[in-house]
Protein backbone atom coordinates (compact mmCIF):
# COMPACT_ATOMS: atom_id res chain seq x y z
CA UNK A 1 5.63 41.36 15.64
CA UNK A 2 4.72 39.35 18.74
CA UNK A 3 1.92 37.59 16.83
CA UNK A 4 4.30 36.64 14.02
CA UNK A 5 6.79 35.19 16.49
CA UNK A 6 4.03 33.28 18.27
CA UNK A 7 2.77 31.85 14.98
CA UNK A 8 6.30 30.77 14.05
CA UNK A 9 6.74 29.06 17.40
CA UNK A 10 3.40 27.28 17.06
CA UNK A 11 4.31 26.17 13.52
CA UNK A 12 7.66 24.82 14.72
CA UNK A 13 6.03 22.94 17.58
CA UNK A 14 3.38 21.53 15.25
CA UNK A 15 6.03 20.41 12.78
CA UNK A 16 7.98 18.68 15.56
CA UNK A 17 4.90 16.79 16.75
CA UNK A 18 4.00 15.83 13.18
CA UNK A 19 7.54 14.60 12.43
CA UNK A 20 7.58 12.53 15.62
CA UNK A 21 4.23 10.96 14.76
CA UNK A 22 5.40 10.11 11.25
CA UNK A 23 8.60 8.54 12.61
CA UNK A 24 6.52 6.40 14.95
CA UNK A 25 4.40 5.18 12.07
CA UNK A 26 7.38 4.41 9.83
CA UNK A 27 9.10 2.47 12.62
CA UNK A 28 5.93 0.57 13.50
CA UNK A 29 5.28 -0.54 9.93
CA UNK A 30 8.95 -1.22 9.24
CA UNK A 31 9.27 -3.40 12.32
CA UNK A 32 6.63 -5.77 10.98
CA UNK A 33 7.68 -5.60 7.32
CA UNK A 34 11.28 -6.33 8.29
CA UNK A 35 10.31 -9.91 9.13
CA UNK A 36 9.40 -10.62 5.51
CA UNK A 37 10.80 -10.36 2.00
CA UNK A 38 7.73 -8.63 0.59
CA UNK A 39 9.58 -5.72 -1.02
CA UNK A 40 12.14 -8.05 -2.60
CA UNK A 41 9.41 -10.30 -3.99
CA UNK A 42 7.54 -7.30 -5.39
CA UNK A 43 10.71 -6.04 -7.10
CA UNK A 44 11.33 -9.48 -8.60
CA UNK A 45 7.79 -9.64 -9.95
CA UNK A 46 7.90 -6.13 -11.39
CA UNK A 47 11.15 -6.87 -13.20
CA UNK A 48 9.87 -10.24 -14.39
CA UNK A 49 6.65 -8.77 -15.73
CA UNK A 50 8.59 -6.18 -17.71
CA UNK A 51 10.77 -8.92 -19.18
CA UNK A 52 7.79 -11.07 -20.12
CA UNK A 53 5.91 -8.18 -21.71
CA UNK A 54 9.01 -7.20 -23.70
CA UNK A 55 9.73 -10.72 -24.93
CA UNK A 56 9.23 -11.32 -28.66
CA UNK A 57 9.57 -15.11 -28.51
CA UNK A 58 6.29 -16.69 -27.37
CA UNK A 59 7.93 -19.80 -25.92
CA UNK A 60 10.34 -17.67 -23.89
CA UNK A 61 7.50 -15.42 -22.74
CA UNK A 62 5.49 -18.43 -21.56
CA UNK A 63 8.53 -19.72 -19.70
CA UNK A 64 8.95 -16.42 -17.85
CA UNK A 65 5.28 -16.32 -16.85
CA UNK A 66 5.59 -19.87 -15.54
CA UNK A 67 8.73 -19.09 -13.55
CA UNK A 68 7.06 -16.07 -11.92
CA UNK A 69 4.27 -18.23 -10.52
CA UNK A 70 6.42 -19.35 -7.58
CA UNK A 71 7.26 -15.75 -6.69
CA UNK A 72 3.61 -14.71 -6.96
CA UNK A 73 2.58 -17.48 -4.59
CA UNK A 74 5.35 -16.57 -2.14
CA UNK A 75 4.25 -12.93 -2.16
CA UNK A 76 0.64 -13.89 -1.46
CA UNK A 77 1.64 -16.15 1.42
CA UNK A 78 4.10 -13.71 2.97
CA UNK A 79 1.75 -10.75 2.75
CA UNK A 80 -1.01 -12.82 4.31
CA UNK A 81 1.24 -13.62 7.28
CA UNK A 82 2.34 -10.00 7.55
CA UNK A 83 -1.27 -8.77 7.64
CA UNK A 84 -2.07 -11.36 10.27
CA UNK A 85 0.89 -10.27 12.41
CA UNK A 86 0.00 -6.59 12.07
CA UNK A 87 -3.58 -7.30 13.11
CA UNK A 88 -2.27 -7.62 16.67
CA UNK A 89 -1.21 -3.95 16.76
CA UNK A 90 -3.20 -1.82 19.18
CA UNK A 91 -6.12 -0.11 17.44
CA UNK A 92 -5.11 3.41 18.47
CA UNK A 93 -1.75 2.97 16.72
CA UNK A 94 -3.18 1.75 13.44
CA UNK A 95 -5.53 4.62 12.58
CA UNK A 96 -5.01 6.40 9.25
CA UNK A 97 -6.27 9.93 8.64
CA UNK A 98 -8.66 10.31 5.70
CA UNK A 99 -7.78 14.00 5.48
CA UNK A 100 -5.62 15.07 2.49
CA UNK A 101 -2.83 16.11 4.85
CA UNK A 102 -1.90 14.19 7.96
CA UNK A 103 -2.39 16.04 11.23
CA UNK A 104 -1.08 14.56 14.48
CA UNK A 105 -3.71 13.41 16.98
CA UNK A 106 -6.37 13.17 14.24
CA UNK A 107 -7.31 9.73 15.54
CA UNK A 108 -7.96 11.15 18.99
CA UNK A 109 -9.64 14.39 17.99
CA UNK A 110 -11.53 13.23 14.87
CA UNK A 111 -11.82 9.42 14.98
CA UNK A 112 -14.56 9.46 12.33
CA UNK A 113 -12.03 10.94 9.89
CA UNK A 114 -9.80 7.86 10.10
CA UNK A 115 -9.77 4.20 9.06
CA UNK A 116 -8.00 1.15 10.46
CA UNK A 117 -4.79 0.10 8.71
CA UNK A 118 -5.22 -3.44 10.04
CA UNK A 119 -8.44 -3.79 8.05
CA UNK A 120 -6.85 -2.24 4.96
CA UNK A 121 -3.95 -4.69 5.09
CA UNK A 122 -6.42 -7.58 5.38
CA UNK A 123 -8.13 -6.32 2.21
CA UNK A 124 -4.77 -6.11 0.44
CA UNK A 125 -3.83 -9.60 1.62
CA UNK A 126 -7.03 -11.02 0.15
CA UNK A 127 -6.54 -9.12 -3.10
CA UNK A 128 -2.90 -10.10 -3.54
CA UNK A 129 -3.51 -13.75 -2.67
CA UNK A 130 -6.53 -13.96 -4.98
CA UNK A 131 -4.59 -12.42 -7.86
CA UNK A 132 -1.52 -14.59 -7.18
CA UNK A 133 -3.52 -17.82 -7.18
CA UNK A 134 -5.45 -16.57 -10.22
CA UNK A 135 -8.82 -17.56 -8.82
CA UNK A 136 -10.47 -15.54 -11.61
CA UNK A 137 -8.65 -17.59 -14.28
CA UNK A 138 -7.14 -14.56 -16.02
CA UNK A 139 -4.60 -14.77 -18.81
CA UNK A 140 -0.95 -14.35 -17.69
CA UNK A 141 -0.89 -10.72 -18.86
CA UNK A 142 -4.20 -9.86 -17.21
CA UNK A 143 -3.12 -11.64 -14.04
CA UNK A 144 0.09 -9.60 -13.95
CA UNK A 145 -1.84 -6.38 -14.61
CA UNK A 146 -4.22 -6.98 -11.69
CA UNK A 147 -1.50 -8.16 -9.31
CA UNK A 148 0.61 -5.10 -10.12
CA UNK A 149 -2.39 -2.88 -9.37
CA UNK A 150 -2.97 -4.73 -6.08
CA UNK A 151 0.68 -4.19 -5.12
CA UNK A 152 0.60 -0.50 -6.03
CA UNK A 153 -2.58 0.08 -4.05
CA UNK A 154 -1.03 -1.66 -1.05
CA UNK A 155 2.08 0.54 -1.32
CA UNK A 156 -0.18 3.57 -1.56
CA UNK A 157 -1.92 2.56 1.68
CA UNK A 158 1.40 2.09 3.49
CA UNK A 159 2.62 5.52 2.36
CA UNK A 160 -0.73 6.99 3.34
CA UNK A 161 -0.31 5.54 6.83
CA UNK A 162 3.28 6.78 7.19
CA UNK A 163 2.79 10.23 5.67
CA UNK A 164 -0.55 11.33 4.20
CA UNK A 165 -3.03 10.64 1.42
CA UNK A 166 -1.60 13.47 -0.69
CA UNK A 167 2.00 12.27 -0.31
CA UNK A 168 0.96 8.70 -1.13
CA UNK A 169 -0.84 9.77 -4.31
CA UNK A 170 2.11 11.93 -5.38
CA UNK A 171 4.54 9.05 -4.90
CA UNK A 172 2.40 6.83 -7.12
CA UNK A 173 2.69 9.32 -9.95
CA UNK A 174 6.38 10.09 -9.44
CA UNK A 175 7.57 6.50 -8.97
CA UNK A 176 5.17 4.59 -11.19
CA UNK A 177 3.66 7.22 -13.51
CA UNK A 178 0.24 6.00 -12.43
CA UNK A 179 -2.47 8.13 -10.80
CA UNK A 180 -4.28 6.79 -7.75
CA UNK A 181 -7.64 6.67 -9.56
CA UNK A 182 -6.15 4.42 -12.27
CA UNK A 183 -4.70 2.02 -9.69
CA UNK A 184 -8.03 1.81 -7.88
CA UNK A 185 -9.77 1.16 -11.19
CA UNK A 186 -7.32 -1.64 -12.06
CA UNK A 187 -7.50 -3.81 -8.94
CA UNK A 188 -9.96 -6.67 -8.65
CA UNK A 189 -13.60 -5.57 -8.16
CA UNK A 190 -13.74 -7.19 -4.70
CA UNK A 191 -10.69 -5.21 -3.59
CA UNK A 192 -12.06 -1.99 -5.00
CA UNK A 193 -15.41 -2.39 -3.24
CA UNK A 194 -13.91 -3.33 0.13
CA UNK A 195 -11.29 -0.56 -0.06
CA UNK A 196 -13.86 2.07 -0.97
CA UNK A 197 -16.14 0.99 1.88
CA UNK A 198 -13.26 1.21 4.37
CA UNK A 199 -11.58 4.43 3.24
CA UNK A 200 -14.55 6.26 1.78
CA UNK A 201 -12.76 6.63 -1.57
């Protein structure tokens, strides 16, 4: 009986530490994101892409793609500034556990099992800006497809930082009906290579 009680106490203490660590991460990321309209721009693009893809009139479809260009550029610029701002965060606060489930103090106890969110956000900034400016000269539909994948992978990384890799992957499926592997496959090759090198995925 005493062992059971002790285990329950340890579990409760561990949960409290984990919850506090997750709150710290959410607040840290939210503090920086709050200075930008990144989420609003992403929502506008997602809605616009759905409208363009569902349009039956070619002239109207072309008009929608053209109108979205300004929003795409704004997203690329704002995310670039956000990543630059976040790069000033102390290194110890920006570590992300590579383990399937987040465990508090992983960065201190197992630093090799972590990666730096600052570097991940820099990769996302490059990927989003490259897709937004269409440096690869993709068609409007292909451009939208790649930029959507870049946005989803970035969201996945943010959720990974705040919660865990498993939670982030689950949210991708539940919210966007897209598995993590498919998102990683759909981003630009440069993003995929850099992301894999950083996270070990």
